[in-house]
Amino acid sequence: MSTACDQRPTNYYPLDVDRRWHYTIERTTMDGTVTQKYLTQTLPYQNWNGIRIVAKNTISDHRYYYRIDGDGVRRVARKLRTDKHIQAVDPSHIVLPADIRSGATWQRSTQTIVLENAGPPWETPFRITQTVILDYTIESVTDVVHVPAGEFHDCLRVVGSGLIDAEIGNYIGRTVISVTVTEWYAPNVGLVRLQRIETTDAEALNYGALKMELESYH
């Protein structure tokens, strides 16, 4: 739908005011698959701690704040619905780098979000929440992506992966956790598709996945 002639990170992660994105999410855990809707929109720019930032506001009224600097598009803060003030993300992390080219690399931390089980041996839902450092690479700048919102050409394909060896306890003990995330960004649109897989080597809680696809935008 668009060409990739503009290689700035904000071309693939637009932050101009009043942009909206509507996604469908399929969240798979050991308990099955649940489909959810997710809506986010950009708010006006503001100054915070002496820097210019812009928020993406979700349907749940959580706000995630971004800054554009020499390194690219960076998430620097958040304000969840129950927070009174903006909270810094420490460390801040790069969403997309300034160097938009196949082979570009960077790192970003994430927390596991789909490793959970409400079945035996647990009497209540149990979730593994661990921080994992992901190594990201732009693997392609020419992908074609088909999602409910349409067909998008010249998309970035960004892949992040990481491992952690952690003591979980709660019937699991020590286990290796693996996270792999693949994201596609379309020119002048932003994120159009995401696939995330989390695994462990513990049989009772060994898999979770999340798929996110763009339904509409403006």
N, C-alpha and C. Protein backbone atom coordinates (compact mmCIF):
# COMPACT_ATOMS: atom_id res chain seq x y z
N MET A 1 0.81 -1.20 0.00
CA MET A 1 0.00 0.00 0.00
C MET A 1 0.86 1.26 0.00
N SER A 2 2.03 1.19 0.68
CA SER A 2 2.95 2.31 0.73
C SER A 2 4.33 1.83 0.38
N THR A 3 5.19 2.75 -0.02
CA THR A 3 6.56 2.39 -0.32
C THR A 3 7.45 2.71 0.86
N ALA A 4 8.64 2.11 0.85
CA ALA A 4 9.57 2.27 1.96
C ALA A 4 10.66 3.28 1.64
N CYS A 5 10.37 4.32 0.85
CA CYS A 5 11.38 5.27 0.46
C CYS A 5 11.84 6.11 1.64
N ASP A 6 10.99 6.37 2.62
CA ASP A 6 11.34 7.13 3.82
C ASP A 6 11.78 6.16 4.89
N GLN A 7 13.08 6.16 5.21
CA GLN A 7 13.62 5.16 6.12
C GLN A 7 13.73 5.66 7.55
N ARG A 8 13.07 6.76 7.90
CA ARG A 8 13.07 7.19 9.29
C ARG A 8 12.24 6.21 10.13
N PRO A 9 12.63 5.99 11.41
CA PRO A 9 11.86 5.07 12.24
C PRO A 9 10.42 5.52 12.45
N THR A 10 10.18 6.85 12.48
CA THR A 10 8.81 7.32 12.67
C THR A 10 7.93 7.05 11.47
N ASN A 11 8.52 6.73 10.31
CA ASN A 11 7.70 6.32 9.17
C ASN A 11 7.07 4.96 9.41
N TYR A 12 7.76 4.10 10.17
CA TYR A 12 7.26 2.76 10.48
C TYR A 12 6.59 2.70 11.86
N TYR A 13 6.74 3.75 12.64
CA TYR A 13 6.10 3.83 13.96
C TYR A 13 5.56 5.25 14.13
N PRO A 14 4.47 5.58 13.39
CA PRO A 14 3.96 6.95 13.36
C PRO A 14 3.52 7.42 14.75
N LEU A 15 3.88 8.66 15.07
CA LEU A 15 3.51 9.23 16.37
C LEU A 15 2.83 10.58 16.22
N ASP A 16 2.31 10.89 15.02
CA ASP A 16 1.58 12.13 14.86
C ASP A 16 0.24 12.03 15.60
N VAL A 17 -0.31 13.17 15.96
CA VAL A 17 -1.46 13.24 16.86
C VAL A 17 -2.71 12.62 16.25
N ASP A 18 -3.46 11.91 17.10
CA ASP A 18 -4.78 11.35 16.78
C ASP A 18 -4.73 10.27 15.71
N ARG A 19 -3.65 9.50 15.69
CA ARG A 19 -3.64 8.26 14.91
C ARG A 19 -4.27 7.16 15.75
N ARG A 20 -5.01 6.24 15.11
CA ARG A 20 -5.69 5.17 15.84
C ARG A 20 -5.44 3.83 15.15
N TRP A 21 -5.27 2.81 15.99
CA TRP A 21 -5.05 1.44 15.52
C TRP A 21 -5.94 0.49 16.31
N HIS A 22 -6.64 -0.38 15.59
CA HIS A 22 -7.55 -1.35 16.21
C HIS A 22 -7.04 -2.74 15.85
N TYR A 23 -6.71 -3.54 16.88
CA TYR A 23 -6.12 -4.86 16.67
C TYR A 23 -7.01 -5.97 17.23
N THR A 24 -6.86 -7.16 16.68
CA THR A 24 -7.38 -8.38 17.27
C THR A 24 -6.20 -9.17 17.84
N ILE A 25 -6.36 -9.65 19.07
CA ILE A 25 -5.31 -10.41 19.74
C ILE A 25 -5.82 -11.80 20.05
N GLU A 26 -5.02 -12.81 19.71
CA GLU A 26 -5.27 -14.19 20.14
C GLU A 26 -4.21 -14.55 21.17
N ARG A 27 -4.66 -14.81 22.37
CA ARG A 27 -3.74 -15.10 23.48
C ARG A 27 -3.90 -16.57 23.87
N THR A 28 -2.83 -17.34 23.73
CA THR A 28 -2.86 -18.77 24.00
C THR A 28 -1.99 -19.09 25.20
N THR A 29 -2.59 -19.78 26.19
CA THR A 29 -1.85 -20.26 27.36
C THR A 29 -2.12 -21.75 27.49
N MET A 30 -1.63 -22.35 28.57
CA MET A 30 -1.90 -23.77 28.82
C MET A 30 -3.38 -24.02 29.05
N ASP A 31 -4.16 -22.96 29.28
CA ASP A 31 -5.60 -23.09 29.52
C ASP A 31 -6.44 -22.93 28.27
N GLY A 32 -5.82 -22.62 27.12
CA GLY A 32 -6.58 -22.46 25.89
C GLY A 32 -6.32 -21.10 25.25
N THR A 33 -7.15 -20.76 24.25
CA THR A 33 -6.98 -19.52 23.49
C THR A 33 -8.16 -18.59 23.71
N VAL A 34 -7.84 -17.32 23.95
CA VAL A 34 -8.85 -16.27 24.15
C VAL A 34 -8.59 -15.17 23.12
N THR A 35 -9.67 -14.68 22.49
CA THR A 35 -9.56 -13.58 21.53
C THR A 35 -9.97 -12.28 22.20
N GLN A 36 -9.17 -11.24 21.99
CA GLN A 36 -9.43 -9.94 22.61
C GLN A 36 -9.29 -8.84 21.56
N LYS A 37 -9.85 -7.67 21.87
CA LYS A 37 -9.68 -6.49 21.03
C LYS A 37 -8.75 -5.51 21.74
N TYR A 38 -7.99 -4.77 20.94
CA TYR A 38 -7.04 -3.81 21.50
C TYR A 38 -7.07 -2.56 20.65
N LEU A 39 -7.27 -1.42 21.29
CA LEU A 39 -7.34 -0.14 20.60
C LEU A 39 -6.34 0.82 21.22
N THR A 40 -5.58 1.50 20.38
CA THR A 40 -4.63 2.50 20.88
C THR A 40 -4.65 3.72 19.97
N GLN A 41 -4.38 4.90 20.56
CA GLN A 41 -4.34 6.13 19.77
C GLN A 41 -3.28 7.06 20.34
N THR A 42 -2.74 7.92 19.48
CA THR A 42 -1.74 8.88 19.91
C THR A 42 -2.41 10.14 20.45
N LEU A 43 -1.81 10.71 21.49
CA LEU A 43 -2.27 11.94 22.11
C LEU A 43 -1.32 13.08 21.73
N PRO A 44 -1.69 14.34 22.04
CA PRO A 44 -0.79 15.46 21.71
C PRO A 44 0.56 15.35 22.43
N TYR A 45 1.59 15.88 21.79
CA TYR A 45 2.92 15.93 22.41
C TYR A 45 2.88 16.77 23.68
N GLN A 46 3.77 16.46 24.61
CA GLN A 46 3.88 17.21 25.86
C GLN A 46 5.33 17.20 26.33
N ASN A 47 5.65 18.09 27.27
CA ASN A 47 6.98 18.12 27.87
C ASN A 47 6.95 17.40 29.21
N TRP A 48 7.97 16.59 29.45
CA TRP A 48 8.09 15.82 30.69
C TRP A 48 9.57 15.72 31.04
N ASN A 49 9.90 16.20 32.22
CA ASN A 49 11.31 16.18 32.67
C ASN A 49 12.26 16.80 31.64
N GLY A 50 11.77 17.84 30.98
CA GLY A 50 12.61 18.56 30.04
C GLY A 50 12.73 17.94 28.66
N ILE A 51 11.97 16.88 28.38
CA ILE A 51 12.02 16.27 27.06
C ILE A 51 10.63 16.26 26.44
N ARG A 52 10.58 16.19 25.12
CA ARG A 52 9.32 16.17 24.38
C ARG A 52 8.90 14.73 24.16
N ILE A 53 7.72 14.38 24.63
CA ILE A 53 7.25 13.00 24.53
C ILE A 53 5.83 12.98 23.97
N VAL A 54 5.44 11.80 23.50
CA VAL A 54 4.08 11.60 23.01
C VAL A 54 3.55 10.29 23.58
N ALA A 55 2.26 10.27 23.91
CA ALA A 55 1.66 9.08 24.51
C ALA A 55 0.82 8.32 23.50
N LYS A 56 0.86 6.98 23.65
CA LYS A 56 -0.15 6.12 23.05
C LYS A 56 -1.07 5.68 24.17
N ASN A 57 -2.35 5.99 24.01
CA ASN A 57 -3.35 5.69 25.03
C ASN A 57 -4.14 4.45 24.61
N THR A 58 -4.29 3.47 25.52
CA THR A 58 -5.00 2.24 25.18
C THR A 58 -6.46 2.34 25.59
N ILE A 59 -7.24 1.35 25.15
CA ILE A 59 -8.66 1.30 25.49
C ILE A 59 -8.86 1.15 27.00
N SER A 60 -7.85 0.64 27.70
CA SER A 60 -7.92 0.49 29.16
C SER A 60 -7.41 1.73 29.89
N ASP A 61 -7.11 2.79 29.13
CA ASP A 61 -6.61 4.06 29.67
C ASP A 61 -5.23 3.92 30.29
N HIS A 62 -4.43 2.99 29.76
CA HIS A 62 -3.01 2.96 30.08
C HIS A 62 -2.29 3.80 29.03
N ARG A 63 -1.29 4.57 29.47
CA ARG A 63 -0.56 5.43 28.54
C ARG A 63 0.92 5.06 28.53
N TYR A 64 1.45 4.91 27.32
CA TYR A 64 2.86 4.58 27.14
C TYR A 64 3.50 5.72 26.35
N TYR A 65 4.60 6.24 26.87
CA TYR A 65 5.19 7.48 26.36
C TYR A 65 6.46 7.20 25.57
N TYR A 66 6.59 7.93 24.45
CA TYR A 66 7.70 7.71 23.53
C TYR A 66 8.44 9.02 23.26
N ARG A 67 9.73 8.85 23.00
CA ARG A 67 10.59 9.97 22.63
C ARG A 67 11.32 9.62 21.35
N ILE A 68 11.49 10.60 20.49
CA ILE A 68 12.28 10.43 19.27
C ILE A 68 13.62 11.09 19.49
N ASP A 69 14.71 10.32 19.42
CA ASP A 69 16.05 10.89 19.59
C ASP A 69 17.00 10.31 18.55
N GLY A 70 18.28 10.55 18.73
CA GLY A 70 19.26 10.11 17.74
C GLY A 70 19.37 8.61 17.60
N ASP A 71 18.86 7.86 18.60
CA ASP A 71 18.91 6.40 18.55
C ASP A 71 17.69 5.79 17.89
N GLY A 72 16.61 6.58 17.72
CA GLY A 72 15.39 6.07 17.11
C GLY A 72 14.16 6.43 17.92
N VAL A 73 13.16 5.57 17.87
CA VAL A 73 11.95 5.73 18.68
C VAL A 73 12.14 4.94 19.97
N ARG A 74 11.99 5.62 21.09
CA ARG A 74 12.31 5.03 22.38
C ARG A 74 11.12 5.16 23.33
N ARG A 75 10.75 4.06 24.01
CA ARG A 75 9.73 4.15 25.06
C ARG A 75 10.43 4.58 26.35
N VAL A 76 9.95 5.68 26.94
CA VAL A 76 10.65 6.27 28.09
C VAL A 76 9.83 6.27 29.37
N ALA A 77 8.50 6.11 29.27
CA ALA A 77 7.67 6.23 30.48
C ALA A 77 6.32 5.58 30.25
N ARG A 78 5.57 5.46 31.35
CA ARG A 78 4.22 4.93 31.27
C ARG A 78 3.38 5.54 32.39
N LYS A 79 2.08 5.49 32.22
CA LYS A 79 1.13 5.91 33.26
C LYS A 79 -0.07 4.99 33.16
N LEU A 80 -0.11 3.99 34.04
CA LEU A 80 -1.23 3.06 34.04
C LEU A 80 -2.46 3.74 34.62
N ARG A 81 -3.60 3.15 34.40
CA ARG A 81 -4.86 3.76 34.80
C ARG A 81 -4.89 4.14 36.28
N THR A 82 -4.26 3.35 37.13
CA THR A 82 -4.28 3.59 38.58
C THR A 82 -3.15 4.51 39.05
N ASP A 83 -2.24 4.89 38.15
CA ASP A 83 -1.13 5.76 38.54
C ASP A 83 -1.56 7.22 38.60
N LYS A 84 -1.01 7.95 39.56
CA LYS A 84 -1.29 9.39 39.65
C LYS A 84 -0.34 10.20 38.78
N HIS A 85 0.87 9.66 38.56
CA HIS A 85 1.88 10.41 37.83
C HIS A 85 2.54 9.52 36.78
N ILE A 86 3.17 10.15 35.81
CA ILE A 86 3.95 9.43 34.81
C ILE A 86 5.15 8.78 35.49
N GLN A 87 5.40 7.51 35.17
CA GLN A 87 6.51 6.76 35.74
C GLN A 87 7.55 6.47 34.65
N ALA A 88 8.81 6.79 34.95
CA ALA A 88 9.88 6.53 33.98
C ALA A 88 10.06 5.03 33.78
N VAL A 89 10.34 4.62 32.55
CA VAL A 89 10.75 3.25 32.25
C VAL A 89 12.27 3.21 32.35
N ASP A 90 12.78 2.44 33.29
CA ASP A 90 14.21 2.41 33.55
C ASP A 90 14.75 0.98 33.45
N PRO A 91 15.57 0.69 32.44
CA PRO A 91 16.01 1.64 31.42
C PRO A 91 14.96 1.81 30.32
N SER A 92 15.01 2.96 29.65
CA SER A 92 14.15 3.14 28.47
C SER A 92 14.60 2.16 27.40
N HIS A 93 13.73 1.89 26.43
CA HIS A 93 14.15 0.92 25.42
C HIS A 93 13.76 1.35 24.01
N ILE A 94 14.59 0.94 23.07
CA ILE A 94 14.38 1.25 21.66
C ILE A 94 13.26 0.38 21.10
N VAL A 95 12.27 1.01 20.48
CA VAL A 95 11.22 0.28 19.76
C VAL A 95 11.70 -0.01 18.34
N LEU A 96 12.13 1.04 17.66
CA LEU A 96 12.77 0.91 16.34
C LEU A 96 13.98 1.84 16.30
N PRO A 97 15.09 1.37 15.74
CA PRO A 97 16.31 2.19 15.74
C PRO A 97 16.28 3.25 14.65
N ALA A 98 17.18 4.23 14.79
CA ALA A 98 17.32 5.23 13.74
C ALA A 98 17.87 4.61 12.46
N ASP A 99 18.65 3.55 12.61
CA ASP A 99 19.28 2.86 11.48
C ASP A 99 18.33 1.80 10.92
N ILE A 100 17.44 2.24 10.03
CA ILE A 100 16.46 1.31 9.45
C ILE A 100 17.07 0.66 8.21
N ARG A 101 17.58 -0.56 8.40
CA ARG A 101 18.16 -1.32 7.29
C ARG A 101 18.16 -2.79 7.68
N SER A 102 18.16 -3.65 6.71
CA SER A 102 18.25 -5.08 6.98
C SER A 102 19.58 -5.38 7.65
N GLY A 103 19.53 -6.09 8.78
CA GLY A 103 20.72 -6.41 9.54
C GLY A 103 20.96 -5.54 10.75
N ALA A 104 20.23 -4.43 10.89
CA ALA A 104 20.39 -3.57 12.06
C ALA A 104 20.00 -4.33 13.33
N THR A 105 20.73 -4.11 14.42
CA THR A 105 20.50 -4.85 15.67
C THR A 105 20.42 -3.91 16.86
N TRP A 106 19.72 -4.34 17.90
CA TRP A 106 19.64 -3.63 19.17
C TRP A 106 19.08 -4.60 20.20
N GLN A 107 19.00 -4.15 21.45
CA GLN A 107 18.46 -4.97 22.53
C GLN A 107 17.29 -4.27 23.19
N ARG A 108 16.40 -5.09 23.77
CA ARG A 108 15.24 -4.57 24.48
C ARG A 108 14.81 -5.60 25.51
N SER A 109 14.42 -5.16 26.68
CA SER A 109 13.95 -6.10 27.70
C SER A 109 12.44 -6.29 27.58
N THR A 110 11.98 -7.45 28.02
CA THR A 110 10.55 -7.75 28.03
C THR A 110 10.25 -8.63 29.22
N GLN A 111 8.97 -8.72 29.57
CA GLN A 111 8.54 -9.65 30.60
C GLN A 111 7.66 -10.72 29.96
N THR A 112 7.78 -11.95 30.46
CA THR A 112 6.90 -13.01 29.97
C THR A 112 5.45 -12.67 30.31
N ILE A 113 4.53 -12.98 29.37
CA ILE A 113 3.14 -12.57 29.54
C ILE A 113 2.13 -13.68 29.26
N VAL A 114 2.57 -14.81 28.71
CA VAL A 114 1.61 -15.86 28.35
C VAL A 114 1.96 -17.23 28.93
N LEU A 115 2.90 -17.27 29.86
CA LEU A 115 3.23 -18.54 30.52
C LEU A 115 2.39 -18.65 31.79
N GLU A 116 1.21 -19.25 31.64
CA GLU A 116 0.32 -19.39 32.80
C GLU A 116 -0.52 -20.66 32.67
N ASN A 117 -0.97 -21.13 33.83
CA ASN A 117 -1.74 -22.38 33.89
C ASN A 117 -2.61 -22.34 35.13
N ALA A 118 -3.89 -22.65 34.96
CA ALA A 118 -4.82 -22.72 36.09
C ALA A 118 -5.15 -24.15 36.47
N GLY A 119 -4.52 -25.13 35.78
CA GLY A 119 -4.80 -26.54 36.05
C GLY A 119 -3.87 -27.12 37.09
N PRO A 120 -4.01 -28.43 37.37
CA PRO A 120 -3.15 -29.11 38.33
C PRO A 120 -1.67 -28.97 37.91
N PRO A 121 -0.73 -28.87 38.89
CA PRO A 121 -0.93 -29.03 40.33
C PRO A 121 -1.35 -27.76 41.06
N TRP A 122 -1.63 -26.69 40.32
CA TRP A 122 -1.98 -25.42 40.97
C TRP A 122 -3.46 -25.35 41.27
N GLU A 123 -3.79 -24.82 42.43
CA GLU A 123 -5.19 -24.65 42.82
C GLU A 123 -5.74 -23.31 42.35
N THR A 124 -4.85 -22.36 42.06
CA THR A 124 -5.24 -21.06 41.52
C THR A 124 -4.34 -20.77 40.32
N PRO A 125 -4.75 -19.85 39.43
CA PRO A 125 -3.92 -19.56 38.25
C PRO A 125 -2.50 -19.15 38.65
N PHE A 126 -1.53 -19.74 37.96
CA PHE A 126 -0.13 -19.44 38.22
C PHE A 126 0.50 -18.91 36.94
N ARG A 127 1.22 -17.80 37.06
CA ARG A 127 1.85 -17.18 35.90
C ARG A 127 3.34 -16.97 36.18
N ILE A 128 4.16 -17.31 35.20
CA ILE A 128 5.58 -17.00 35.26
C ILE A 128 5.78 -15.58 34.74
N THR A 129 6.36 -14.73 35.57
CA THR A 129 6.67 -13.36 35.18
C THR A 129 8.16 -13.13 35.37
N GLN A 130 8.90 -13.21 34.27
CA GLN A 130 10.35 -13.05 34.31
C GLN A 130 10.79 -12.04 33.24
N THR A 131 11.80 -11.27 33.56
CA THR A 131 12.37 -10.33 32.60
C THR A 131 13.41 -11.04 31.74
N VAL A 132 13.29 -10.86 30.43
CA VAL A 132 14.20 -11.49 29.47
C VAL A 132 14.75 -10.40 28.54
N ILE A 133 16.06 -10.40 28.32
CA ILE A 133 16.67 -9.47 27.37
C ILE A 133 16.61 -10.09 25.98
N LEU A 134 16.00 -9.37 25.04
CA LEU A 134 15.86 -9.86 23.68
C LEU A 134 16.86 -9.17 22.76
N ASP A 135 17.50 -9.94 21.90
CA ASP A 135 18.35 -9.41 20.83
C ASP A 135 17.51 -9.26 19.58
N TYR A 136 17.36 -8.02 19.11
CA TYR A 136 16.51 -7.72 17.96
C TYR A 136 17.34 -7.52 16.69
N THR A 137 16.77 -7.96 15.57
CA THR A 137 17.38 -7.76 14.26
C THR A 137 16.30 -7.42 13.25
N ILE A 138 16.56 -6.44 12.39
CA ILE A 138 15.69 -6.21 11.23
C ILE A 138 16.09 -7.24 10.17
N GLU A 139 15.22 -8.21 9.92
CA GLU A 139 15.55 -9.30 9.00
C GLU A 139 15.14 -9.01 7.57
N SER A 140 14.19 -8.09 7.38
CA SER A 140 13.74 -7.76 6.03
C SER A 140 13.14 -6.36 6.03
N VAL A 141 13.24 -5.69 4.89
CA VAL A 141 12.56 -4.40 4.71
C VAL A 141 11.61 -4.46 3.52
N THR A 142 11.31 -5.68 3.04
CA THR A 142 10.51 -5.83 1.82
C THR A 142 9.38 -6.85 1.97
N ASP A 143 9.01 -7.20 3.19
CA ASP A 143 7.96 -8.20 3.38
C ASP A 143 6.60 -7.68 2.92
N VAL A 144 5.77 -8.60 2.45
CA VAL A 144 4.36 -8.33 2.15
C VAL A 144 3.53 -9.02 3.23
N VAL A 145 2.63 -8.28 3.86
CA VAL A 145 1.87 -8.80 5.00
C VAL A 145 0.38 -8.67 4.71
N HIS A 146 -0.36 -9.76 4.94
CA HIS A 146 -1.81 -9.76 4.78
C HIS A 146 -2.46 -9.88 6.16
N VAL A 147 -3.26 -8.89 6.53
CA VAL A 147 -4.00 -8.89 7.79
C VAL A 147 -5.41 -8.37 7.49
N PRO A 148 -6.34 -8.44 8.46
CA PRO A 148 -7.70 -7.97 8.18
C PRO A 148 -7.77 -6.52 7.68
N ALA A 149 -6.82 -5.68 8.06
CA ALA A 149 -6.84 -4.28 7.61
C ALA A 149 -6.40 -4.11 6.16
N GLY A 150 -5.85 -5.18 5.56
CA GLY A 150 -5.44 -5.08 4.16
C GLY A 150 -4.11 -5.74 3.88
N GLU A 151 -3.59 -5.46 2.69
CA GLU A 151 -2.29 -5.98 2.25
C GLU A 151 -1.28 -4.84 2.29
N PHE A 152 -0.14 -5.09 2.94
CA PHE A 152 0.86 -4.05 3.12
C PHE A 152 2.20 -4.51 2.53
N HIS A 153 2.80 -3.62 1.76
CA HIS A 153 4.06 -3.93 1.08
C HIS A 153 5.23 -3.20 1.74
N ASP A 154 6.44 -3.68 1.45
CA ASP A 154 7.67 -3.06 1.94
C ASP A 154 7.68 -2.93 3.46
N CYS A 155 7.25 -3.99 4.12
CA CYS A 155 7.19 -3.99 5.58
C CYS A 155 8.54 -4.40 6.18
N LEU A 156 8.84 -3.81 7.33
CA LEU A 156 9.95 -4.32 8.14
C LEU A 156 9.52 -5.61 8.81
N ARG A 157 10.42 -6.59 8.83
CA ARG A 157 10.24 -7.77 9.68
C ARG A 157 11.34 -7.74 10.74
N VAL A 158 10.90 -7.59 11.98
CA VAL A 158 11.82 -7.44 13.11
C VAL A 158 11.67 -8.67 14.00
N VAL A 159 12.79 -9.33 14.31
CA VAL A 159 12.76 -10.54 15.14
C VAL A 159 13.61 -10.32 16.38
N GLY A 160 13.02 -10.62 17.55
CA GLY A 160 13.74 -10.55 18.81
C GLY A 160 13.69 -11.90 19.51
N SER A 161 14.80 -12.30 20.12
CA SER A 161 14.83 -13.58 20.83
C SER A 161 15.78 -13.50 22.01
N GLY A 162 15.45 -14.29 23.05
CA GLY A 162 16.31 -14.33 24.22
C GLY A 162 15.98 -15.50 25.11
N LEU A 163 16.92 -15.84 26.01
CA LEU A 163 16.79 -16.95 26.95
C LEU A 163 17.14 -16.46 28.34
N ILE A 164 16.56 -17.12 29.34
CA ILE A 164 16.96 -16.89 30.72
C ILE A 164 16.81 -18.20 31.48
N ASP A 165 17.75 -18.48 32.36
CA ASP A 165 17.70 -19.64 33.25
C ASP A 165 17.28 -19.12 34.62
N ALA A 166 16.08 -19.48 35.07
CA ALA A 166 15.53 -18.87 36.27
C ALA A 166 14.95 -19.91 37.23
N GLU A 167 15.01 -19.58 38.51
CA GLU A 167 14.38 -20.38 39.55
C GLU A 167 12.94 -19.89 39.71
N ILE A 168 11.98 -20.75 39.38
CA ILE A 168 10.57 -20.36 39.39
C ILE A 168 9.88 -20.80 40.67
N GLY A 169 10.31 -21.96 41.22
CA GLY A 169 9.62 -22.50 42.39
C GLY A 169 8.24 -23.01 42.02
N ASN A 170 7.35 -23.11 42.99
CA ASN A 170 5.94 -23.43 42.75
C ASN A 170 5.78 -24.64 41.83
N TYR A 171 6.35 -25.78 42.21
CA TYR A 171 6.28 -27.06 41.51
C TYR A 171 7.16 -27.12 40.25
N ILE A 172 7.77 -26.02 39.86
CA ILE A 172 8.56 -26.01 38.63
C ILE A 172 10.06 -26.07 38.92
N GLY A 173 10.52 -25.29 39.87
CA GLY A 173 11.95 -25.24 40.16
C GLY A 173 12.70 -24.43 39.12
N ARG A 174 13.89 -24.87 38.78
CA ARG A 174 14.71 -24.13 37.83
C ARG A 174 14.35 -24.54 36.41
N THR A 175 14.25 -23.56 35.52
CA THR A 175 13.87 -23.85 34.14
C THR A 175 14.47 -22.82 33.19
N VAL A 176 14.62 -23.20 31.94
CA VAL A 176 15.08 -22.28 30.90
C VAL A 176 13.86 -21.71 30.18
N ILE A 177 13.77 -20.40 30.14
CA ILE A 177 12.66 -19.71 29.48
C ILE A 177 13.17 -19.09 28.18
N SER A 178 12.42 -19.33 27.11
CA SER A 178 12.77 -18.79 25.79
C SER A 178 11.64 -17.89 25.29
N VAL A 179 11.99 -16.73 24.77
CA VAL A 179 11.00 -15.80 24.20
C VAL A 179 11.45 -15.43 22.79
N THR A 180 10.53 -15.57 21.82
CA THR A 180 10.78 -15.14 20.44
C THR A 180 9.62 -14.27 19.98
N VAL A 181 9.93 -13.09 19.47
CA VAL A 181 8.92 -12.14 19.01
C VAL A 181 9.24 -11.75 17.57
N THR A 182 8.22 -11.81 16.69
CA THR A 182 8.36 -11.33 15.32
C THR A 182 7.33 -10.24 15.09
N GLU A 183 7.79 -9.08 14.63
CA GLU A 183 6.92 -7.92 14.43
C GLU A 183 7.06 -7.43 13.00
N TRP A 184 5.95 -7.02 12.41
CA TRP A 184 5.95 -6.45 11.07
C TRP A 184 5.43 -5.01 11.14
N TYR A 185 6.17 -4.09 10.54
CA TYR A 185 5.81 -2.67 10.53
C TYR A 185 5.66 -2.20 9.10
N ALA A 186 4.52 -1.59 8.78
CA ALA A 186 4.26 -1.09 7.43
C ALA A 186 4.54 0.40 7.35
N PRO A 187 5.07 0.88 6.21
CA PRO A 187 5.32 2.31 6.05
C PRO A 187 4.05 3.13 6.22
N ASN A 188 4.16 4.21 6.98
CA ASN A 188 3.07 5.17 7.22
C ASN A 188 1.89 4.58 8.00
N VAL A 189 2.03 3.36 8.49
CA VAL A 189 0.96 2.70 9.24
C VAL A 189 1.42 2.31 10.64
N GLY A 190 2.55 1.64 10.73
CA GLY A 190 3.04 1.16 12.02
C GLY A 190 2.94 -0.35 12.12
N LEU A 191 2.78 -0.83 13.34
CA LEU A 191 2.71 -2.27 13.59
C LEU A 191 1.45 -2.85 12.96
N VAL A 192 1.62 -3.85 12.09
CA VAL A 192 0.47 -4.49 11.46
C VAL A 192 0.29 -5.93 11.91
N ARG A 193 1.37 -6.55 12.38
CA ARG A 193 1.25 -7.93 12.84
C ARG A 193 2.36 -8.23 13.85
N LEU A 194 2.02 -9.07 14.82
CA LEU A 194 2.99 -9.50 15.83
C LEU A 194 2.72 -10.95 16.19
N GLN A 195 3.79 -11.73 16.30
CA GLN A 195 3.70 -13.10 16.79
C GLN A 195 4.72 -13.27 17.91
N ARG A 196 4.26 -13.84 19.02
CA ARG A 196 5.14 -14.02 20.19
C ARG A 196 4.98 -15.44 20.70
N ILE A 197 6.10 -16.10 20.96
CA ILE A 197 6.09 -17.46 21.50
C ILE A 197 6.99 -17.49 22.73
N GLU A 198 6.47 -18.04 23.81
CA GLU A 198 7.22 -18.23 25.05
C GLU A 198 7.20 -19.71 25.41
N THR A 199 8.36 -20.26 25.73
CA THR A 199 8.45 -21.67 26.10
C THR A 199 9.33 -21.84 27.33
N THR A 200 9.14 -22.99 28.01
CA THR A 200 10.05 -23.40 29.07
C THR A 200 10.34 -24.89 28.87
N ASP A 201 11.30 -25.41 29.64
CA ASP A 201 11.53 -26.85 29.59
C ASP A 201 10.84 -27.57 30.75
N ALA A 202 9.85 -26.90 31.36
CA ALA A 202 9.04 -27.51 32.42
C ALA A 202 7.74 -28.00 31.82
N GLU A 203 7.48 -29.30 31.87
CA GLU A 203 6.34 -29.89 31.18
C GLU A 203 5.01 -29.30 31.62
N ALA A 204 4.88 -28.96 32.89
CA ALA A 204 3.59 -28.48 33.41
C ALA A 204 3.24 -27.08 32.90
N LEU A 205 4.23 -26.35 32.41
CA LEU A 205 3.98 -24.98 31.95
C LEU A 205 5.02 -24.64 30.88
N ASN A 206 4.83 -25.23 29.69
CA ASN A 206 5.90 -25.19 28.70
C ASN A 206 5.64 -24.34 27.47
N TYR A 207 4.45 -23.67 27.39
CA TYR A 207 4.15 -22.96 26.14
C TYR A 207 3.11 -21.88 26.36
N GLY A 208 3.33 -20.78 25.66
CA GLY A 208 2.34 -19.72 25.55
C GLY A 208 2.60 -18.94 24.28
N ALA A 209 1.56 -18.33 23.71
CA ALA A 209 1.73 -17.59 22.45
C ALA A 209 0.76 -16.43 22.39
N LEU A 210 1.11 -15.46 21.56
CA LEU A 210 0.24 -14.31 21.35
C LEU A 210 0.36 -13.89 19.89
N LYS A 211 -0.78 -13.66 19.25
CA LYS A 211 -0.82 -13.16 17.87
C LYS A 211 -1.65 -11.90 17.84
N MET A 212 -1.14 -10.89 17.18
CA MET A 212 -1.80 -9.58 17.13
C MET A 212 -1.84 -9.12 15.68
N GLU A 213 -3.04 -8.79 15.17
CA GLU A 213 -3.18 -8.35 13.78
C GLU A 213 -4.02 -7.09 13.70
N LEU A 214 -3.63 -6.20 12.79
CA LEU A 214 -4.33 -4.94 12.62
C LEU A 214 -5.67 -5.15 11.93
N GLU A 215 -6.74 -4.64 12.56
CA GLU A 215 -8.09 -4.71 11.98
C GLU A 215 -8.42 -3.45 11.18
N SER A 216 -8.04 -2.29 11.71
CA SER A 216 -8.32 -1.02 11.04
C SER A 216 -7.41 0.05 11.61
N TYR A 217 -7.30 1.17 10.90
CA TYR A 217 -6.45 2.27 11.37
C TYR A 217 -6.86 3.55 10.66
N HIS A 218 -6.52 4.66 11.27
CA HIS A 218 -6.64 5.95 10.58
C HIS A 218 -5.81 7.01 11.29
